[in-house]
Amino acid sequence: MTSPESNQIKKKKADLKVVIVGDADVGKTCLLHRYLHGEFYDQTPNTIGAAFFLKQWGSYNIAIWDTAGEERFSGLSSFYCRGANAAVVCYDIRSRNTFQSIEDRYTALLETAAENCSIVISGTKKDLVTDSNREVTAEIGAAKAKELCERWNSKLHESGRCPFFETSSLTGENVKALFEHIFETLTQGCDKTGADKSDTVDLEEKKNCSSKSRSKCSC
């Protein structure tokens, strides 16, 4: 018979791991807060190291790591990407440089992710985009998502939809769709008993990895 203590231990383990990566100030934290809390936080501080969140999806505990975007935290970001079952790679639609960082910085970090890691590309701050300031077209963003999925043999959603979303944390456009796409992809046709436990997270330790406030983030 399983003891109450054993049940408590099991509840403290995350079944799946999702990481969010992208340059500083592209709005990663705002994106996650919009999904988790349904609100837009215009005073979100920059993440230092990484911030941890837990999402219950059906019978699964899904750990979500919001990583820092500054280059000085690249080593830590690589650590948090280790064994990730899914990765959200963000860029600012108005900044070609943040899009270029996907190839220059973040593909290397994803080398430590789990086999067949589900990769989703998110262009952020769509509410601020105009014809004159858009630097990355939706077609280019979708092509990059397709390229990375083929390169990593990424697990795809059963609908066959391209894992690319242009999002707005202010209006909420595509935010829910993005995260539900990830969670559905990870759990489709999967018996929980078969979930990968090689990189489970002890939720009792999450307080040691929480983010600290530093400066205002433009979201």
Protein backbone atom coordinates (compact mmCIF):
# COMPACT_ATOMS: atom_id res chain seq x y z
CA MET A 1 0.00 0.00 0.00
CA THR A 2 1.29 3.47 -0.89
CA SER A 3 1.85 5.62 2.17
CA PRO A 4 0.48 9.20 2.47
CA GLU A 5 4.10 10.37 2.55
CA SER A 6 4.76 8.72 -0.82
CA ASN A 7 1.70 10.39 -2.32
CA GLN A 8 2.93 13.76 -1.10
CA ILE A 9 6.33 13.15 -2.68
CA LYS A 10 4.74 12.25 -6.00
CA LYS A 11 2.71 15.46 -5.98
CA LYS A 12 5.92 17.45 -5.64
CA LYS A 13 7.32 16.12 -8.91
CA ALA A 14 6.79 17.77 -12.28
CA ASP A 15 5.94 15.35 -15.08
CA LEU A 16 6.94 17.61 -17.97
CA LYS A 17 9.17 20.62 -18.42
CA VAL A 18 8.70 23.71 -20.59
CA VAL A 19 11.27 26.51 -20.98
CA ILE A 20 10.76 30.00 -22.36
CA VAL A 21 13.80 31.62 -23.97
CA GLY A 22 14.48 34.81 -25.89
CA ASP A 23 16.36 38.10 -25.63
CA ALA A 24 15.83 40.49 -22.73
CA ASP A 25 12.75 42.72 -23.07
CA VAL A 26 10.99 40.68 -25.75
CA GLY A 27 8.18 40.11 -23.23
CA LYS A 28 8.64 36.49 -22.12
CA THR A 29 7.49 37.12 -18.56
CA CYS A 30 4.53 39.21 -19.70
CA LEU A 31 3.51 36.41 -22.05
CA LEU A 32 3.54 33.82 -19.27
CA HIS A 33 1.78 36.05 -16.75
CA ARG A 34 -0.92 36.83 -19.28
CA TYR A 35 -1.58 33.11 -19.70
CA LEU A 36 -1.40 32.14 -16.03
CA HIS A 37 -3.25 35.14 -14.58
CA GLY A 38 -5.21 36.57 -17.51
CA GLU A 39 -3.75 40.02 -16.93
CA PHE A 40 -1.21 42.31 -18.52
CA TYR A 41 1.54 43.45 -16.16
CA ASP A 42 3.21 46.60 -17.50
CA GLN A 43 5.64 46.77 -14.55
CA THR A 44 7.13 43.30 -14.94
CA PRO A 45 10.78 43.29 -13.75
CA ASN A 46 13.51 41.62 -15.75
CA THR A 47 14.07 38.00 -14.80
CA ILE A 48 17.39 37.17 -13.20
CA GLY A 49 18.44 33.56 -13.72
CA ALA A 50 15.02 31.97 -14.13
CA ALA A 51 11.56 32.01 -12.58
CA PHE A 52 9.60 28.83 -11.90
CA PHE A 53 5.87 28.27 -12.36
CA LEU A 54 3.74 25.14 -12.12
CA LYS A 55 0.74 24.46 -14.35
CA GLN A 56 -1.73 21.66 -13.77
CA TRP A 57 -2.88 20.26 -17.11
CA GLY A 58 -5.27 17.37 -16.64
CA SER A 59 -3.39 14.84 -14.51
CA TYR A 60 -0.01 16.35 -15.37
CA ASN A 61 2.14 18.76 -13.40
CA ILE A 62 3.98 20.89 -15.94
CA ALA A 63 7.00 22.90 -14.82
CA ILE A 64 7.49 26.16 -16.72
CA TRP A 65 10.83 27.96 -16.53
CA ASP A 66 10.92 31.60 -17.61
CA THR A 67 14.60 32.24 -18.34
CA ALA A 68 16.60 35.48 -18.32
CA GLY A 69 17.40 36.97 -21.71
CA GLU A 70 20.63 38.81 -20.97
CA GLU A 71 23.75 37.19 -22.40
CA ARG A 72 25.46 37.07 -19.00
CA PHE A 73 22.84 34.51 -17.94
CA SER A 74 23.37 32.23 -20.97
CA GLY A 75 25.06 29.57 -18.84
CA LEU A 76 22.10 29.43 -16.47
CA SER A 77 19.65 29.35 -19.37
CA SER A 78 21.47 26.33 -20.77
CA PHE A 79 21.05 24.61 -17.40
CA TYR A 80 17.32 25.29 -17.32
CA CYS A 81 16.92 24.04 -20.90
CA ARG A 82 18.41 20.69 -19.95
CA GLY A 83 15.89 17.90 -20.47
CA ALA A 84 13.10 20.29 -21.52
CA ASN A 85 10.17 18.58 -23.23
CA ALA A 86 9.11 21.82 -24.94
CA ALA A 87 10.64 25.22 -25.60
CA VAL A 88 8.99 28.53 -26.43
CA VAL A 89 11.46 30.72 -28.33
CA CYS A 90 10.40 34.38 -28.33
CA TYR A 91 11.38 37.39 -30.38
CA ASP A 92 10.00 40.92 -30.80
CA ILE A 93 8.25 41.23 -34.16
CA ARG A 94 9.61 44.78 -34.42
CA SER A 95 13.25 43.71 -33.97
CA ARG A 96 15.19 41.72 -36.53
CA ASN A 97 18.04 41.44 -34.03
CA THR A 98 15.93 39.52 -31.50
CA PHE A 99 14.83 37.19 -34.30
CA GLN A 100 18.42 36.64 -35.38
CA SER A 101 19.23 35.67 -31.78
CA ILE A 102 17.16 32.53 -32.26
CA GLU A 103 19.95 31.16 -34.45
CA ASP A 104 22.85 33.00 -32.82
CA ARG A 105 22.05 32.12 -29.18
CA TYR A 106 19.09 29.85 -28.55
CA THR A 107 19.53 26.93 -30.91
CA ALA A 108 22.73 26.09 -29.02
CA LEU A 109 20.85 26.14 -25.71
CA LEU A 110 18.28 23.73 -27.08
CA GLU A 111 20.97 21.13 -27.70
CA THR A 112 20.51 20.11 -24.06
CA ALA A 113 16.74 19.69 -24.35
CA ALA A 114 15.04 16.30 -24.36
CA GLU A 115 14.91 14.21 -27.51
CA ASN A 116 12.10 15.35 -29.82
CA CYS A 117 11.67 18.53 -27.77
CA SER A 118 8.56 20.34 -29.00
CA ILE A 119 9.71 23.75 -30.25
CA VAL A 120 7.32 26.69 -30.64
CA ILE A 121 8.27 30.11 -32.02
CA SER A 122 6.45 33.19 -30.71
CA GLY A 123 6.64 36.66 -32.20
CA THR A 124 5.66 39.03 -29.38
CA LYS A 125 4.15 42.52 -28.94
CA LYS A 126 1.85 42.22 -31.93
CA ASP A 127 -0.34 45.01 -30.55
CA LEU A 128 2.55 47.43 -31.09
CA VAL A 129 3.26 46.36 -34.66
CA THR A 130 2.55 48.65 -37.62
CA ASP A 131 3.38 48.40 -41.30
CA SER A 132 6.30 50.76 -40.74
CA ASN A 133 7.92 49.12 -37.69
CA ARG A 134 7.45 45.42 -38.44
CA GLU A 135 10.88 43.88 -39.09
CA VAL A 136 9.95 40.18 -39.17
CA THR A 137 7.07 38.98 -41.31
CA ALA A 138 4.77 36.20 -40.17
CA GLU A 139 5.94 34.12 -43.13
CA ILE A 140 9.57 34.35 -42.01
CA GLY A 141 8.62 33.47 -38.43
CA ALA A 142 6.63 30.44 -39.53
CA ALA A 143 9.48 29.31 -41.80
CA LYS A 144 11.90 29.44 -38.86
CA ALA A 145 9.51 27.38 -36.72
CA LYS A 146 9.26 24.75 -39.46
CA GLU A 147 13.04 24.71 -39.89
CA LEU A 148 13.75 24.19 -36.19
CA CYS A 149 11.11 21.48 -35.85
CA GLU A 150 12.65 19.56 -38.74
CA ARG A 151 16.17 20.04 -37.38
CA TRP A 152 15.24 18.73 -33.92
CA ASN A 153 12.69 16.19 -35.13
CA SER A 154 10.33 18.07 -32.84
CA LYS A 155 7.16 16.49 -31.54
CA LEU A 156 4.29 18.12 -33.44
CA HIS A 157 0.66 18.69 -32.60
CA GLU A 158 -1.61 16.01 -34.00
CA SER A 159 -3.50 18.69 -35.97
CA GLY A 160 -0.35 19.32 -38.00
CA ARG A 161 -0.52 23.05 -37.25
CA CYS A 162 2.75 24.94 -37.60
CA PRO A 163 4.15 25.69 -34.10
CA PHE A 164 4.28 29.45 -34.71
CA PHE A 165 2.23 32.20 -33.07
CA GLU A 166 2.29 35.98 -33.19
CA THR A 167 1.14 37.04 -29.73
CA SER A 168 0.14 40.07 -27.70
CA SER A 169 0.35 40.02 -23.92
CA LEU A 170 -1.64 43.26 -23.82
CA THR A 171 -4.69 42.00 -25.74
CA GLY A 172 -4.16 38.30 -25.07
CA GLU A 173 -4.11 37.47 -28.78
CA ASN A 174 -2.89 33.90 -29.35
CA VAL A 175 -1.47 33.58 -25.80
CA LYS A 176 -3.88 30.88 -24.67
CA ALA A 177 -3.66 29.18 -28.05
CA LEU A 178 0.14 29.02 -27.80
CA PHE A 179 0.30 27.38 -24.39
CA GLU A 180 -2.58 25.00 -25.03
CA HIS A 181 -0.86 23.98 -28.26
CA ILE A 182 2.23 23.07 -26.23
CA PHE A 183 0.41 21.20 -23.48
CA GLU A 184 -1.78 19.29 -25.92
CA THR A 185 1.28 18.36 -27.99
CA LEU A 186 3.15 17.07 -24.95
CA THR A 187 0.29 15.02 -23.54
CA GLN A 188 -1.46 13.73 -26.69
CA GLY A 189 -1.71 9.96 -26.72
CA CYS A 190 0.46 9.76 -23.63
CA ASP A 191 -0.15 7.63 -20.58
CA LYS A 192 1.03 9.55 -17.55
CA THR A 193 2.84 6.48 -16.29
CA GLY A 194 5.01 6.73 -19.38
CA ALA A 195 5.99 10.36 -18.81
CA ASP A 196 9.70 11.05 -18.74
CA LYS A 197 10.82 11.42 -15.13
CA SER A 198 14.52 11.82 -15.92
CA ASP A 199 14.40 15.53 -15.24
CA THR A 200 11.66 15.88 -12.64
CA VAL A 201 11.64 18.96 -10.46
CA ASP A 202 11.32 18.92 -6.70
CA LEU A 203 8.82 21.70 -6.11
CA GLU A 204 10.09 22.17 -2.59
CA GLU A 205 13.30 23.52 -4.10
CA LYS A 206 11.68 26.01 -6.47
CA LYS A 207 11.99 28.84 -3.99
CA ASN A 208 15.76 28.60 -4.32
CA CYS A 209 15.51 29.32 -8.05
CA SER A 210 12.92 32.12 -8.01
CA SER A 211 13.49 35.33 -9.92
CA LYS A 212 14.57 38.62 -8.36
CA SER A 213 13.43 42.07 -9.42
CA ARG A 214 15.91 44.28 -11.19
CA SER A 215 14.57 46.77 -13.72
CA LYS A 216 11.41 47.57 -15.62
CA CYS A 217 10.64 45.41 -18.65
CA SER A 218 8.99 46.84 -21.75
CA CYS A 219 6.25 44.39 -22.62
